[in-house]
Each structure stands twice: as C-alpha cells, then as structure tokens.
N, C-alpha and C. Protein backbone atom coordinates (compact mmCIF):
# COMPACT_ATOMS: atom_id res chain seq x y z
N MET A 1 0.48 -1.26 0.45
CA MET A 1 0.03 0.29 -0.16
C MET A 1 1.20 0.89 0.12
N PRO A 2 1.08 2.69 -1.07
CA PRO A 2 1.91 3.50 -1.32
C PRO A 2 0.92 3.71 0.67
N SER A 3 2.38 4.86 0.60
CA SER A 3 2.57 5.97 1.97
C SER A 3 2.52 6.90 0.99
N PHE A 4 2.12 7.82 2.09
CA PHE A 4 1.52 9.16 2.23
C PHE A 4 2.63 10.38 2.89
N THR A 5 2.22 12.09 2.63
CA THR A 5 2.53 12.81 3.44
C THR A 5 2.01 14.18 3.38
N LEU A 6 1.36 14.51 4.14
CA LEU A 6 0.38 16.13 4.06
C LEU A 6 0.96 16.72 4.72
N THR A 7 1.16 18.11 3.85
CA THR A 7 1.92 19.10 4.80
C THR A 7 1.57 20.54 3.91
N ASN A 8 1.80 21.30 5.00
CA ASN A 8 1.13 22.55 4.87
C ASN A 8 1.75 23.72 4.82
N GLN A 9 1.13 25.19 5.16
CA GLN A 9 2.59 26.14 4.53
C GLN A 9 3.47 26.45 5.49
N GLU A 10 2.69 25.74 7.10
CA GLU A 10 3.94 26.24 8.42
C GLU A 10 4.55 24.71 8.80
N ASP A 11 5.13 23.56 7.41
CA ASP A 11 5.78 22.59 7.40
C ASP A 11 5.54 21.93 8.72
N GLN A 12 4.06 21.23 9.04
CA GLN A 12 3.77 20.54 9.76
C GLN A 12 3.20 19.40 8.85
N VAL A 13 3.97 17.98 9.16
CA VAL A 13 3.91 17.29 8.35
C VAL A 13 3.33 15.85 9.26
N PHE A 14 2.23 15.53 8.17
CA PHE A 14 1.45 13.96 8.98
C PHE A 14 1.96 13.38 7.72
N HIS A 15 2.55 11.76 8.27
CA HIS A 15 2.53 11.16 7.86
C HIS A 15 1.88 9.80 7.32
N ASP A 16 1.01 9.39 6.93
CA ASP A 16 0.61 8.32 6.19
C ASP A 16 -1.26 8.91 7.70
N PRO A 17 -0.93 10.61 7.40
CA PRO A 17 -2.65 10.99 7.80
C PRO A 17 -3.67 10.40 7.46
N SER A 18 -4.43 10.64 8.62
CA SER A 18 -6.28 9.74 8.28
C SER A 18 -7.32 10.89 8.02
N PRO A 19 -7.76 10.53 7.54
CA PRO A 19 -8.85 11.14 6.67
C PRO A 19 -9.18 13.02 7.97
N GLU A 20 -9.43 12.38 9.46
CA GLU A 20 -10.03 13.02 9.70
C GLU A 20 -8.81 14.00 10.67
N GLN A 21 -7.05 13.57 10.13
CA GLN A 21 -6.22 14.52 10.46
C GLN A 21 -6.00 15.82 8.64
N ILE A 22 -6.56 15.04 8.16
CA ILE A 22 -6.78 15.87 6.36
C ILE A 22 -7.54 16.52 6.32
N SER A 23 -9.38 16.41 7.03
CA SER A 23 -9.59 17.65 7.41
C SER A 23 -9.65 18.44 8.50
N ALA A 24 -8.78 18.00 9.19
CA ALA A 24 -8.72 19.48 10.11
C ALA A 24 -7.30 20.69 9.28
N VAL A 25 -6.70 19.53 8.85
CA VAL A 25 -5.67 20.61 8.43
C VAL A 25 -6.12 21.56 7.40
N VAL A 26 -6.70 21.00 6.70
CA VAL A 26 -7.18 21.42 5.49
C VAL A 26 -8.67 22.65 6.28
N ALA A 27 -9.52 22.10 7.11
CA ALA A 27 -9.92 23.50 8.09
C ALA A 27 -9.05 24.56 8.48
N GLY A 28 -8.07 24.42 8.93
CA GLY A 28 -6.95 25.33 10.02
C GLY A 28 -6.30 26.15 8.55
N LEU A 29 -6.26 26.43 7.69
CA LEU A 29 -5.84 27.13 6.89
C LEU A 29 -6.12 28.50 6.64
N PRO A 30 -5.48 29.14 6.93
CA PRO A 30 -5.85 30.72 7.46
C PRO A 30 -5.99 31.40 6.06
N PRO A 31 -6.68 32.11 6.22
CA PRO A 31 -6.19 33.14 4.74
C PRO A 31 -5.10 34.39 5.03
N GLY A 32 -5.03 34.65 3.56
CA GLY A 32 -4.06 35.54 3.26
C GLY A 32 -3.47 35.26 2.11
N GLY A 33 -3.91 34.33 1.46
CA GLY A 33 -3.29 33.94 0.13
C GLY A 33 -2.22 32.99 -0.08
N ASP A 34 -1.10 32.82 1.31
CA ASP A 34 -0.20 31.81 1.06
C ASP A 34 -0.53 30.50 1.59
N ALA A 35 -1.86 30.15 2.02
CA ALA A 35 -2.11 28.93 2.27
C ALA A 35 -2.29 27.82 1.50
N PHE A 36 -1.18 26.23 2.05
CA PHE A 36 -1.80 25.59 0.89
C PHE A 36 -1.90 24.29 1.62
N VAL A 37 -1.66 22.88 1.12
CA VAL A 37 -1.94 21.47 1.48
C VAL A 37 -1.28 20.59 0.46
N ILE A 38 -0.49 20.07 1.36
CA ILE A 38 -0.15 19.50 -0.16
C ILE A 38 0.21 17.99 0.45
N LEU A 39 -0.64 16.67 -0.05
CA LEU A 39 -0.82 15.43 -0.28
C LEU A 39 0.33 14.29 -0.91
N ALA A 40 1.40 14.33 -0.90
CA ALA A 40 2.46 13.49 -2.01
C ALA A 40 2.89 12.06 -1.56
N ASP A 41 3.42 11.46 -2.66
CA ASP A 41 3.32 10.02 -2.91
C ASP A 41 4.77 10.26 -2.07
N ASP A 42 4.93 8.98 -1.14
CA ASP A 42 6.38 9.06 -0.05
C ASP A 42 7.44 8.39 -1.43
N ALA A 43 6.32 7.45 -2.31
CA ALA A 43 7.74 6.90 -3.47
C ALA A 43 8.20 7.97 -4.85
N ASP A 44 7.81 8.73 -4.89
CA ASP A 44 8.11 9.38 -5.57
C ASP A 44 7.93 11.01 -5.15
N ASP A 45 8.86 12.33 -5.06
CA ASP A 45 7.98 13.55 -4.24
C ASP A 45 7.38 14.36 -5.76
N MET A 46 7.64 13.75 -7.22
CA MET A 46 7.01 14.81 -8.25
C MET A 46 5.06 14.25 -8.46
N THR A 47 4.90 13.31 -7.59
CA THR A 47 3.45 13.28 -7.40
C THR A 47 2.88 13.36 -6.83
N PHE A 48 1.98 14.34 -6.49
CA PHE A 48 0.96 14.79 -5.29
C PHE A 48 0.15 15.72 -5.72
N ILE A 49 -0.61 15.24 -4.75
CA ILE A 49 -2.16 16.94 -5.31
C ILE A 49 -1.35 17.73 -3.85
N GLN A 50 -2.00 18.93 -4.56
CA GLN A 50 -2.55 19.68 -3.89
C GLN A 50 -3.70 21.29 -3.81
N ALA A 51 -3.70 21.82 -2.58
CA ALA A 51 -4.57 22.93 -2.59
C ALA A 51 -4.47 24.00 -1.90
N ILE A 52 -4.52 24.64 -3.24
CA ILE A 52 -4.18 26.54 -2.38
C ILE A 52 -5.35 27.60 -1.66
N GLY A 53 -5.66 28.04 -1.22
CA GLY A 53 -6.48 28.39 -0.71
C GLY A 53 -6.62 28.61 0.62
N SER A 54 -7.56 28.82 1.35
CA SER A 54 -8.45 28.90 2.17
C SER A 54 -9.90 28.46 2.96
N PRO A 55 -10.18 28.00 3.51
CA PRO A 55 -12.20 27.99 3.71
C PRO A 55 -12.64 28.96 3.74
N ALA A 56 -12.09 30.16 4.11
CA ALA A 56 -13.01 31.56 3.67
C ALA A 56 -12.42 32.48 2.64
N GLU A 57 -11.65 31.77 1.54
CA GLU A 57 -11.70 32.94 0.98
C GLU A 57 -11.97 31.63 -0.95
N GLY A 58 -12.06 30.11 -0.38
CA GLY A 58 -11.96 29.02 -1.14
C GLY A 58 -10.59 28.41 -1.90
N PHE A 59 -10.65 28.04 -2.62
CA PHE A 59 -9.43 26.29 -2.98
C PHE A 59 -9.46 26.74 -4.64
N GLY A 60 -8.11 26.58 -4.87
CA GLY A 60 -7.57 25.99 -6.28
C GLY A 60 -6.91 24.76 -6.16
N LEU A 61 -7.29 23.91 -7.05
CA LEU A 61 -6.46 22.42 -6.58
C LEU A 61 -5.97 21.64 -8.19
N GLU A 62 -4.51 21.06 -7.69
CA GLU A 62 -3.86 21.22 -8.50
C GLU A 62 -3.46 19.54 -9.00
N TYR A 63 -2.32 18.64 -9.48
CA TYR A 63 -2.21 17.90 -9.37
C TYR A 63 -0.95 17.10 -10.10
N GLN A 64 -0.38 16.40 -9.81
CA GLN A 64 1.21 16.28 -10.86
C GLN A 64 1.30 14.75 -10.99
N GLU A 65 1.55 14.21 -12.02
CA GLU A 65 1.64 12.40 -11.56
C GLU A 65 3.37 12.53 -12.54
N GLY A 66 4.57 12.77 -11.54
CA GLY A 66 5.70 12.13 -12.27
C GLY A 66 6.51 13.11 -12.27
N SER A 67 6.09 14.31 -13.44
CA SER A 67 7.05 15.23 -13.78
C SER A 67 6.25 16.65 -13.82
N LEU A 68 7.40 17.85 -13.94
CA LEU A 68 6.78 18.88 -14.82
C LEU A 68 5.52 18.60 -16.05
N ASP A 69 5.90 17.85 -16.63
CA ASP A 69 5.33 17.64 -18.06
C ASP A 69 3.23 17.35 -17.70
N ARG A 70 3.51 16.89 -16.40
CA ARG A 70 2.11 16.19 -16.06
C ARG A 70 1.26 16.90 -14.90
N HIS A 71 1.04 18.14 -14.98
CA HIS A 71 0.62 19.70 -14.06
C HIS A 71 -0.24 19.29 -14.65
N PHE A 72 -1.44 19.61 -13.46
CA PHE A 72 -2.72 20.14 -14.42
C PHE A 72 -3.31 20.82 -12.77
N ALA A 73 -4.29 21.41 -13.31
CA ALA A 73 -5.05 22.42 -12.13
C ALA A 73 -6.54 22.13 -12.50
N CYS A 74 -7.36 22.16 -11.69
CA CYS A 74 -8.40 21.96 -11.93
C CYS A 74 -9.11 23.19 -12.28
N THR A 75 -10.14 23.06 -12.86
CA THR A 75 -10.49 24.56 -13.77
C THR A 75 -11.38 25.49 -13.00
N SER A 76 -12.43 25.01 -11.73
CA SER A 76 -12.93 25.60 -11.43
C SER A 76 -11.86 26.11 -9.91
N GLN A 77 -12.36 27.55 -9.87
CA GLN A 77 -11.22 28.03 -8.76
C GLN A 77 -11.39 28.32 -7.44
N ASP A 78 -13.02 28.10 -7.35
CA ASP A 78 -13.56 28.01 -6.26
C ASP A 78 -14.20 27.03 -5.48
N LEU A 79 -13.31 26.31 -5.40
CA LEU A 79 -13.70 24.84 -4.09
C LEU A 79 -13.93 25.28 -3.13
N THR A 80 -14.95 24.80 -2.47
CA THR A 80 -14.60 24.54 -1.15
C THR A 80 -14.33 23.40 -0.01
N ALA A 81 -14.12 23.42 1.43
CA ALA A 81 -12.77 23.16 1.81
C ALA A 81 -13.93 22.00 1.71
N GLU A 82 -14.79 21.34 1.53
CA GLU A 82 -15.36 20.06 1.33
C GLU A 82 -15.28 19.35 0.28
N HIS A 83 -14.82 20.31 -0.85
CA HIS A 83 -14.27 19.12 -1.83
C HIS A 83 -13.28 19.68 -1.50
N VAL A 84 -12.35 19.83 -1.67
CA VAL A 84 -11.02 19.61 -1.31
C VAL A 84 -10.49 18.42 -0.59
N VAL A 85 -11.07 18.07 0.95
CA VAL A 85 -10.96 17.03 1.67
C VAL A 85 -11.96 16.39 0.88
N LEU A 86 -12.82 16.22 -0.24
CA LEU A 86 -13.32 14.96 -0.40
C LEU A 86 -12.07 14.57 -1.57
N ALA A 87 -11.63 15.47 -2.57
CA ALA A 87 -10.87 15.00 -3.25
C ALA A 87 -9.01 14.51 -3.16
N LEU A 88 -8.47 15.07 -1.52
CA LEU A 88 -7.78 14.50 -0.98
C LEU A 88 -7.62 13.15 -0.23
N ARG A 89 -8.39 12.69 0.30
CA ARG A 89 -9.07 11.60 0.75
C ARG A 89 -9.33 10.22 -0.25
N SER A 90 -10.14 10.81 -1.30
CA SER A 90 -10.04 10.08 -2.12
C SER A 90 -8.88 9.49 -2.26
N TYR A 91 -7.88 10.45 -3.27
CA TYR A 91 -6.09 10.55 -3.45
C TYR A 91 -5.67 9.60 -2.44
N LEU A 92 -6.09 9.81 -0.80
CA LEU A 92 -5.74 9.23 -0.10
C LEU A 92 -6.13 7.76 -0.15
N ARG A 93 -7.30 7.09 -0.54
CA ARG A 93 -7.34 6.12 -0.64
C ARG A 93 -6.79 5.09 -2.36
N GLY A 94 -6.44 6.20 -2.75
CA GLY A 94 -5.93 5.50 -3.80
C GLY A 94 -7.31 5.10 -5.70
N ASP A 95 -8.10 6.10 -5.07
CA ASP A 95 -9.17 5.98 -5.96
C ASP A 95 -9.40 7.25 -6.66
N ALA A 96 -9.92 7.06 -7.78
CA ALA A 96 -9.71 7.94 -9.23
C ALA A 96 -10.74 8.40 -9.59
N ALA A 97 -11.62 8.74 -8.21
CA ALA A 97 -12.99 9.43 -7.60
C ALA A 97 -12.64 11.42 -7.61
N TRP A 98 -11.60 11.44 -6.65
CA TRP A 98 -10.27 12.74 -7.09
C TRP A 98 -10.46 13.22 -8.53
N LYS A 99 -10.52 12.58 -9.36
CA LYS A 99 -10.14 12.91 -11.01
C LYS A 99 -10.92 12.80 -11.60
N THR A 100 -12.12 12.25 -11.62
CA THR A 100 -13.17 12.45 -11.91
C THR A 100 -14.50 12.90 -11.97
N ALA A 101 -14.34 13.51 -11.04
CA ALA A 101 -15.09 14.84 -9.74
C ALA A 101 -14.99 16.04 -10.75
N PHE A 102 -13.38 16.60 -10.92
CA PHE A 102 -13.02 17.83 -11.24
C PHE A 102 -12.76 17.54 -12.73
N ALA A 103 -12.92 19.01 -12.88
CA ALA A 103 -12.02 18.95 -14.72
C ALA A 103 -10.86 19.45 -14.62
N TRP A 104 -10.33 18.69 -15.73
CA TRP A 104 -8.90 19.42 -15.46
C TRP A 104 -8.24 19.87 -16.84
N GLU A 105 -7.10 20.68 -16.57
CA GLU A 105 -6.13 21.15 -17.59
C GLU A 105 -4.48 21.36 -17.69
N ARG A 106 -3.91 20.85 -18.31
CA ARG A 106 -2.44 21.07 -18.19
C ARG A 106 -2.03 21.82 -17.92
N MET A 107 -1.28 21.77 -17.41
CA MET A 107 -0.67 23.51 -16.80
C MET A 107 0.97 23.64 -17.63
N GLU A 108 1.05 24.41 -18.23
CA GLU A 108 2.61 24.98 -18.35
C GLU A 108 3.36 25.68 -17.54
N LEU A 109 4.56 24.84 -17.05
CA LEU A 109 5.05 25.37 -15.93
C LEU A 109 6.68 25.65 -16.56
C-alpha cells in the first residue's frame, strides 16, 4: 500500500495522515493568500495533489503525476473546503473519484 505525507504552509508534516487529519488541516488553513496543503506520494516526490487557499477564501486544486509535464489544475477556482477534503481523501485511498469529480487542464510550468 502506498505511503503518503501531508504538509501545509507551516511545514507541519503528517505521515500517512488519517481522513480526520486531512479534514483538520484543511479546516485550519488561514486566509491571506499563501496557505496550502500538499498530499504527496512518498515513493515519488514529483507525484502529489495540492490545494491552495483557505476555507474563508475558497481553493484551487492541482495535481502532478511524476513530472512537470504532467501537472494539472482544476478548472474551477472556487472550490470549498469540502471539495478539497473529498479530493484529498479519495487520493489517499487510491481511487480515481477525485480525478473524475473535477475538470482539469494541463499547466505549462
């Protein structure tokens, strides 16, 4: 089973986070423009899903699959904390619901 690390802008790190930890970290993101949470695959630091924003301001969601050429952004930029929690929990479980629940576009980095 894959191993994951959850990190936020304050460098708090949770190894193999529980669904409850994901909810708590997302709910605790402060407003102000620099808040984020990243759920990364420990086997490949270029594979992750991340949310940028806060519950008060809304979120953007991105993911990357192994390289900068495979970096995608959700086309909706007004996602709620509930959307983000559902996406992160789905990613953690290894199911594809997070990927099919949203529209994505490839980003040029």
